[in-house]
Amino acid sequence: MKPGPFNALKYEVLMYYTLLYDETAKEPHCNCKKCPGPETTLACLSIDHMKPRTRKDNLSGDKLYEYLKNHNFPESYQVLCFNCNFTKGADGKCAHLWGEY
């Protein structure tokens, strides 16, 4: 197990969304195909809202993980590391993709 606090709900949700994009995954990881890791440290992973957030789904942390699990893991979410997620949110795409456009 990786160092730091372990959150079973976060692990379950991240693993579900990791497996949507990588059926062979053994642990949650960043789903950015260009992420140099890909990052697997649970504390460094987050859920990305693939579509712009609306007021009703402006959730984060445990409240978001509970919502996703209680609503049967809705589509349009993915696992990204904080670097990929932050630059995607700030600039519209992951920094690893900047050179491709």
Protein backbone atom coordinates (compact mmCIF):
# COMPACT_ATOMS: atom_id res chain seq x y z
CA MET A 1 0.00 0.00 0.00
CA LYS A 2 1.24 3.49 -0.77
CA PRO A 3 2.11 5.88 2.08
CA GLY A 4 -0.49 8.33 3.34
CA PRO A 5 -4.09 7.95 4.41
CA PHE A 6 -6.08 5.30 2.59
CA ASN A 7 -9.60 6.15 1.53
CA ALA A 8 -11.47 3.00 0.48
CA LEU A 9 -14.28 4.94 -1.22
CA LYS A 10 -11.83 7.03 -3.26
CA TYR A 11 -9.94 3.88 -4.24
CA GLU A 12 -13.16 2.13 -5.36
CA VAL A 13 -14.33 5.08 -7.46
CA LEU A 14 -10.94 5.73 -9.03
CA MET A 15 -10.49 2.05 -9.81
CA TYR A 16 -13.89 1.91 -11.51
CA TYR A 17 -13.09 4.87 -13.75
CA THR A 18 -9.54 3.66 -14.42
CA LEU A 19 -10.89 0.32 -15.65
CA LEU A 20 -13.24 2.08 -18.10
CA TYR A 21 -10.20 3.23 -20.07
CA ASP A 22 -7.69 0.50 -19.20
CA GLU A 23 -9.23 -2.94 -18.68
CA THR A 24 -5.88 -4.41 -17.60
CA ALA A 25 -5.23 -1.91 -14.79
CA LYS A 26 -4.13 -3.38 -11.46
CA GLU A 27 -4.47 -0.09 -9.58
CA PRO A 28 -5.96 3.36 -10.20
CA HIS A 29 -3.85 5.58 -12.43
CA CYS A 30 -4.02 8.75 -14.50
CA ASN A 31 -5.94 8.06 -17.71
CA CYS A 32 -4.11 10.73 -19.72
CA LYS A 33 -2.43 8.78 -22.53
CA LYS A 34 0.46 11.27 -22.54
CA CYS A 35 1.04 11.35 -18.75
CA PRO A 36 4.69 10.31 -18.35
CA GLY A 37 3.92 8.16 -15.27
CA PRO A 38 1.23 7.34 -15.45
CA GLU A 39 0.72 8.57 -11.91
CA THR A 40 -0.52 5.86 -9.51
CA THR A 41 -0.17 7.52 -6.09
CA LEU A 42 -3.73 7.65 -4.75
CA ALA A 43 -3.19 11.04 -3.08
CA CYS A 44 -2.14 12.51 -6.46
CA LEU A 45 -5.19 11.29 -8.40
CA SER A 46 -8.51 13.05 -8.89
CA ILE A 47 -11.77 12.70 -10.74
CA ASP A 48 -12.04 14.89 -13.82
CA HIS A 49 -15.41 16.18 -14.95
CA MET A 50 -15.00 15.58 -18.68
CA LYS A 51 -17.87 17.97 -19.42
CA PRO A 52 -18.03 21.43 -17.85
CA ARG A 53 -19.42 21.34 -14.34
CA THR A 54 -22.95 22.48 -13.69
CA ARG A 55 -24.15 23.90 -10.41
CA LYS A 56 -25.78 20.60 -9.46
CA ASP A 57 -22.60 18.56 -9.92
CA ASN A 58 -20.11 21.02 -8.49
CA LEU A 59 -18.90 18.41 -6.00
CA SER A 60 -15.40 17.36 -4.98
CA GLY A 61 -13.67 14.99 -2.60
CA ASP A 62 -15.69 12.47 -0.63
CA LYS A 63 -19.00 14.11 -1.61
CA LEU A 64 -18.16 13.57 -5.27
CA TYR A 65 -17.06 9.95 -4.67
CA GLU A 66 -20.31 9.24 -2.78
CA TYR A 67 -22.37 10.86 -5.54
CA LEU A 68 -20.66 8.82 -8.25
CA LYS A 69 -21.07 5.53 -6.40
CA ASN A 70 -24.67 6.22 -5.36
CA HIS A 71 -25.57 7.12 -8.96
CA ASN A 72 -24.06 3.96 -10.49
CA PHE A 73 -20.89 5.62 -11.77
CA PRO A 74 -22.29 7.99 -14.42
CA GLU A 75 -20.39 8.55 -17.65
CA SER A 76 -18.33 11.66 -18.45
CA TYR A 77 -15.82 11.28 -15.62
CA GLN A 78 -12.26 10.04 -15.75
CA VAL A 79 -9.21 9.71 -13.49
CA LEU A 80 -6.46 12.26 -13.96
CA CYS A 81 -3.47 13.18 -11.85
CA PHE A 82 -3.60 16.66 -10.35
CA ASN A 83 -1.14 18.02 -12.94
CA CYS A 84 -3.23 16.81 -15.89
CA ASN A 85 -6.51 17.86 -14.24
CA PHE A 86 -5.29 21.32 -13.25
CA THR A 87 -3.89 22.24 -16.65
CA LYS A 88 -6.95 20.82 -18.40
CA GLY A 89 -9.17 22.99 -16.21
CA ALA A 90 -7.04 26.11 -16.57
CA ASP A 91 -6.16 25.85 -20.26
CA GLY A 92 -8.79 23.58 -21.78
CA LYS A 93 -6.45 20.63 -22.34
CA CYS A 94 -3.80 18.68 -20.51
CA ALA A 95 -0.30 20.21 -20.66
CA HIS A 96 0.99 16.94 -22.11
CA LEU A 97 -1.08 17.70 -25.23
CA TRP A 98 0.01 21.31 -25.77
CA GLY A 99 2.58 20.41 -28.42
CA GLU A 100 0.05 18.44 -30.49
CA TYR A 101 -2.17 21.37 -31.52
